[in-house]
Protein backbone atom coordinates (compact mmCIF):
# COMPACT_ATOMS: atom_id res chain seq x y z
CA MET A 1 45.12 2.15 118.87
CA PRO A 2 43.32 0.55 115.71
CA ASP A 3 43.21 -3.11 115.78
CA ARG A 4 43.97 -4.53 112.30
CA PHE A 5 42.25 -7.95 113.45
CA GLU A 6 39.10 -6.29 114.89
CA ARG A 7 36.73 -8.17 112.22
CA THR A 8 38.37 -11.50 112.82
CA ARG A 9 38.21 -11.02 116.40
CA MET A 10 34.47 -10.29 116.43
CA LEU A 11 33.98 -13.83 115.09
CA LEU A 12 36.84 -15.77 117.00
CA GLY A 13 36.80 -14.13 120.23
CA GLU A 14 39.74 -12.84 122.54
CA ALA A 15 41.18 -16.17 123.67
CA ALA A 16 41.23 -17.70 120.04
CA MET A 17 43.24 -14.56 118.86
CA ASP A 18 45.49 -14.74 121.78
CA ARG A 19 46.16 -18.35 120.76
CA LEU A 20 46.83 -17.41 116.90
CA ALA A 21 49.20 -14.63 118.22
CA ARG A 22 51.14 -17.21 120.21
CA SER A 23 51.34 -19.90 117.39
CA ARG A 24 53.98 -20.64 114.82
CA VAL A 25 53.15 -22.04 111.52
CA ALA A 26 55.84 -23.58 108.98
CA VAL A 27 54.80 -23.09 105.41
CA PHE A 28 56.79 -25.17 102.90
CA GLY A 29 56.49 -24.11 99.40
CA LEU A 30 55.35 -20.54 98.50
CA GLY A 31 53.70 -20.86 95.03
CA GLY A 32 50.17 -20.73 93.98
CA VAL A 33 49.04 -22.67 97.18
CA GLY A 34 51.47 -21.77 99.73
CA GLY A 35 51.53 -18.07 98.91
CA TYR A 36 47.92 -17.77 99.47
CA ALA A 37 47.97 -19.89 102.68
CA VAL A 38 50.72 -17.50 103.98
CA GLU A 39 48.49 -14.43 102.95
CA ALA A 40 45.46 -15.72 104.95
CA LEU A 41 47.49 -16.82 107.85
CA ALA A 42 49.10 -13.32 108.31
CA ARG A 43 45.69 -11.74 107.86
CA SER A 44 44.27 -13.96 110.52
CA GLY A 45 46.71 -12.83 113.26
CA VAL A 46 49.12 -15.72 113.39
CA GLY A 47 52.09 -14.46 115.34
CA ALA A 48 55.04 -16.34 113.74
CA LEU A 49 55.59 -17.89 110.24
CA ASP A 50 58.40 -19.97 109.17
CA LEU A 51 58.74 -19.72 105.28
CA ILE A 52 60.49 -22.25 103.49
CA ASP A 53 61.18 -22.30 99.59
CA SER A 54 64.34 -22.71 97.49
CA ASP A 55 62.87 -20.95 94.27
CA SER A 56 62.69 -17.38 92.93
CA VAL A 57 59.54 -15.60 91.56
CA ALA A 58 59.26 -16.31 87.73
CA PHE A 59 57.55 -14.68 84.89
CA SER A 60 55.32 -17.83 84.33
CA ASN A 61 54.18 -17.37 87.99
CA LEU A 62 52.28 -14.10 87.29
CA ASN A 63 49.06 -15.78 86.25
CA ARG A 64 48.36 -17.53 89.72
CA GLN A 65 50.89 -16.88 92.52
CA ILE A 66 49.89 -13.86 94.79
CA LEU A 67 53.75 -13.31 95.49
CA ALA A 68 54.33 -12.77 91.85
CA THR A 69 54.17 -9.15 90.36
CA GLU A 70 56.32 -7.25 87.85
CA ALA A 71 58.15 -5.92 90.83
CA THR A 72 59.04 -9.21 92.37
CA VAL A 73 59.99 -11.34 89.34
CA GLY A 74 63.47 -12.60 90.01
CA MET A 75 63.25 -12.21 94.01
CA ASP A 76 63.67 -15.01 96.39
CA LYS A 77 60.18 -16.22 96.92
CA VAL A 78 61.05 -16.20 100.82
CA ALA A 79 62.16 -12.66 100.56
CA ALA A 80 58.89 -11.69 98.59
CA ALA A 81 56.80 -13.48 101.05
CA ALA A 82 58.51 -11.84 104.16
CA ALA A 83 58.07 -8.37 102.96
CA ARG A 84 54.42 -9.05 102.01
CA VAL A 85 53.95 -10.29 105.39
CA ALA A 86 55.57 -7.22 106.95
CA SER A 87 53.17 -5.12 104.95
CA ILE A 88 50.12 -6.85 106.32
CA ASN A 89 51.32 -7.26 109.94
CA PRO A 90 54.73 -5.83 110.98
CA GLU A 91 54.44 -7.59 114.31
CA CYS A 92 54.42 -11.09 112.92
CA ARG A 93 57.69 -12.86 113.48
CA VAL A 94 58.95 -14.36 110.18
CA ARG A 95 61.83 -16.66 109.53
CA THR A 96 62.92 -17.61 106.01
CA TYR A 97 64.66 -20.45 104.74
CA ARG A 98 65.66 -20.59 101.09
CA LEU A 99 65.94 -24.41 101.01
CA PHE A 100 64.30 -27.41 99.52
CA TYR A 101 63.44 -29.67 102.25
CA LEU A 102 64.52 -33.32 101.82
CA PRO A 103 65.04 -36.20 104.41
CA GLY A 104 68.39 -36.08 106.09
CA GLU A 105 69.54 -32.76 104.72
CA GLY A 106 68.38 -30.63 107.57
CA GLY A 107 68.07 -26.83 107.35
CA TYR A 108 64.91 -26.60 109.43
CA ASP A 109 64.25 -27.24 113.00
CA PHE A 110 60.66 -27.96 113.73
CA ALA A 111 61.05 -27.19 117.35
CA GLY A 112 58.55 -24.58 118.50
CA CYS A 113 56.47 -25.11 115.38
CA ASP A 114 52.69 -25.56 116.03
CA TYR A 115 51.55 -26.75 112.64
CA VAL A 116 52.95 -27.57 109.25
CA ALA A 117 51.42 -26.56 105.84
CA ASP A 118 52.86 -28.63 103.10
CA ALA A 119 52.42 -26.90 99.76
CA VAL A 120 55.61 -28.35 98.03
CA ASP A 121 55.22 -30.00 94.54
CA THR A 122 57.32 -33.19 94.92
CA VAL A 123 56.19 -36.67 96.34
CA THR A 124 59.73 -36.92 97.97
CA ALA A 125 59.34 -33.83 99.90
CA LYS A 126 55.80 -34.32 100.86
CA LEU A 127 56.55 -37.71 102.35
CA ALA A 128 59.46 -36.35 104.05
CA LEU A 129 57.47 -33.64 105.65
CA ALA A 130 54.68 -36.00 106.79
CA GLU A 131 57.24 -38.23 108.37
CA ALA A 132 58.98 -35.39 110.15
CA ALA A 133 55.80 -33.97 111.36
CA LEU A 134 54.66 -37.33 112.72
CA ALA A 135 57.95 -37.85 114.34
CA GLU A 136 57.81 -34.44 116.10
CA GLY A 137 54.17 -34.76 117.01
CA ILE A 138 53.23 -31.62 115.01
CA PRO A 139 49.79 -31.44 112.98
CA ILE A 140 50.18 -31.21 109.26
CA ILE A 141 48.00 -30.40 106.42
CA SER A 142 49.13 -31.30 102.96
CA ALA A 143 48.21 -29.91 99.41
CA MET A 144 47.29 -32.54 96.72
CA GLY A 145 47.09 -31.88 93.12
CA THR A 146 45.86 -28.34 92.00
CA GLY A 147 47.21 -28.34 88.57
CA ASN A 148 45.29 -29.08 85.35
CA LYS A 149 41.96 -28.14 87.15
CA LEU A 150 39.46 -25.50 86.73
CA ASP A 151 36.73 -25.67 89.47
CA PRO A 152 37.76 -24.43 92.89
CA SER A 153 34.40 -25.44 94.28
CA ARG A 154 35.31 -28.97 94.16
CA LEU A 155 37.99 -28.59 96.72
CA ARG A 156 37.56 -30.05 100.11
CA VAL A 157 39.54 -31.27 103.31
CA SER A 158 39.69 -34.87 104.42
CA ASP A 159 41.94 -37.59 105.43
CA ILE A 160 43.81 -38.95 102.57
CA SER A 161 42.15 -42.33 102.85
CA ALA A 162 39.03 -40.54 101.47
CA THR A 163 40.71 -39.14 98.33
CA SER A 164 39.75 -40.45 94.78
CA VAL A 165 40.72 -39.37 91.25
CA CYS A 166 43.73 -37.12 92.28
CA PRO A 167 47.01 -38.76 90.83
CA LEU A 168 49.25 -37.14 93.35
CA ALA A 169 47.05 -38.43 96.21
CA ARG A 170 46.92 -41.95 94.85
CA VAL A 171 50.78 -42.11 94.71
CA MET A 172 50.97 -40.47 98.23
CA ARG A 173 48.60 -42.97 99.66
CA LYS A 174 50.75 -45.97 98.55
CA GLU A 175 54.02 -44.51 99.65
CA LEU A 176 52.52 -43.64 103.09
CA ARG A 177 51.54 -47.10 103.71
CA LYS A 178 54.96 -48.38 103.04
CA ARG A 179 55.96 -45.98 105.65
CA GLY A 180 53.40 -47.01 108.08
CA ILE A 181 51.58 -43.83 107.99
CA ASP A 182 47.72 -44.34 107.64
CA ARG A 183 46.48 -40.75 108.25
CA LEU A 184 47.23 -37.54 106.64
CA LYS A 185 44.92 -34.40 106.31
CA VAL A 186 44.93 -33.15 102.90
CA VAL A 187 43.36 -30.50 100.62
CA TRP A 188 42.26 -32.29 97.39
CA SER A 189 39.84 -32.23 94.66
CA PRO A 190 37.90 -34.97 92.93
CA GLU A 191 37.77 -32.91 89.74
CA GLU A 192 39.17 -34.90 86.69
CA PRO A 193 42.36 -33.19 85.69
CA ILE A 194 42.56 -31.87 82.00
CA VAL A 195 45.44 -32.83 79.63
CA PRO A 196 47.18 -29.62 79.01
CA GLU A 197 48.94 -28.45 76.01
CA PRO A 198 52.86 -28.60 76.54
CA PRO A 199 54.41 -25.11 76.88
CA THR A 200 56.69 -23.86 74.16
CA GLY A 201 60.42 -24.28 75.07
CA GLU A 202 59.99 -24.89 78.89
CA VAL A 203 61.65 -27.74 80.51
CA PRO A 204 59.78 -29.58 83.59
CA PRO A 205 61.52 -28.94 86.81
CA GLU A 206 63.47 -31.81 88.66
CA GLY A 207 61.21 -34.46 89.85
CA ARG A 208 58.45 -33.64 87.48
CA ARG A 209 57.48 -35.48 84.21
CA ALA A 210 55.62 -32.52 82.75
CA ILE A 211 54.60 -28.94 83.49
CA PRO A 212 50.98 -28.86 84.50
CA GLY A 213 48.59 -26.12 83.45
CA SER A 214 47.25 -23.85 86.15
CA THR A 215 44.77 -21.16 86.96
CA ALA A 216 44.46 -18.16 89.19
CA PHE A 217 41.70 -19.66 91.26
CA VAL A 218 42.02 -23.26 92.11
CA PRO A 219 45.63 -23.06 93.70
CA ALA A 220 44.40 -19.84 95.42
CA ALA A 221 41.26 -21.65 96.88
CA ALA A 222 43.33 -24.48 98.11
CA GLY A 223 45.70 -22.15 99.89
CA LEU A 224 42.81 -20.44 101.58
CA LEU A 225 41.07 -23.65 102.36
CA MET A 226 44.55 -24.73 103.92
CA ALA A 227 44.71 -21.77 106.01
CA SER A 228 41.30 -21.96 107.25
CA GLN A 229 41.82 -25.45 108.42
CA ILE A 230 44.90 -24.39 110.20
CA VAL A 231 43.28 -21.64 111.97
CA ARG A 232 40.20 -23.54 113.05
CA ASP A 233 42.53 -26.46 114.33
CA LEU A 234 44.72 -24.05 116.24
CA ILE A 235 41.79 -22.20 118.03
CA GLY A 236 39.84 -25.50 118.51
CA LYS A 237 40.25 -25.33 122.23
CA ASP A 238 40.05 -21.52 122.61
CA ARG A 239 37.14 -20.62 120.58
């Protein structure tokens, strides 16, 4: 039988691929960053994915989100993501949660999760995910700001203590310290953000003061970098 992951198996080996097949990754936020993270995780042989997002695909997502096509505009993002994963690897076990994760509101059970990918937009949700992952002893990687930036080559992975320039990372560092959290693995960029022109007639979503500009390449590269780190962390002992 043909092996859809043959080219990956050539690099990682049998034990690592078995580990990925037995792993469950929860991806919170299925936009520009999270959608590409899901894509790469599914194509890498991760055996189970929990997909969490409360939003639907919008026409304005077409410039940067891999889940956004003319055919998916208006669909729940979790439904569009589940269908895409099934088209890549039907054996991947997918659970969908149409919700916005907030502390104390429940809706997602972290039991059985091996890794958390935080690709949500709001500080409140990011902090809640960091606290939940720490409490459950689950590794987490969190995406910092990718909007208003043009150079994907500046992206990197580090602890949040090493970040600079990024306004979101600055706020997160401060709020994490208040909660006694001194470490968080993040994808971030030291590129100075551009001040965008405001869109015509569009209102910022709840929790956001302004709508950021975004490209097809910076969020995508951040999602791929996030998935790369997750895969390498999961297979660290088996590679």
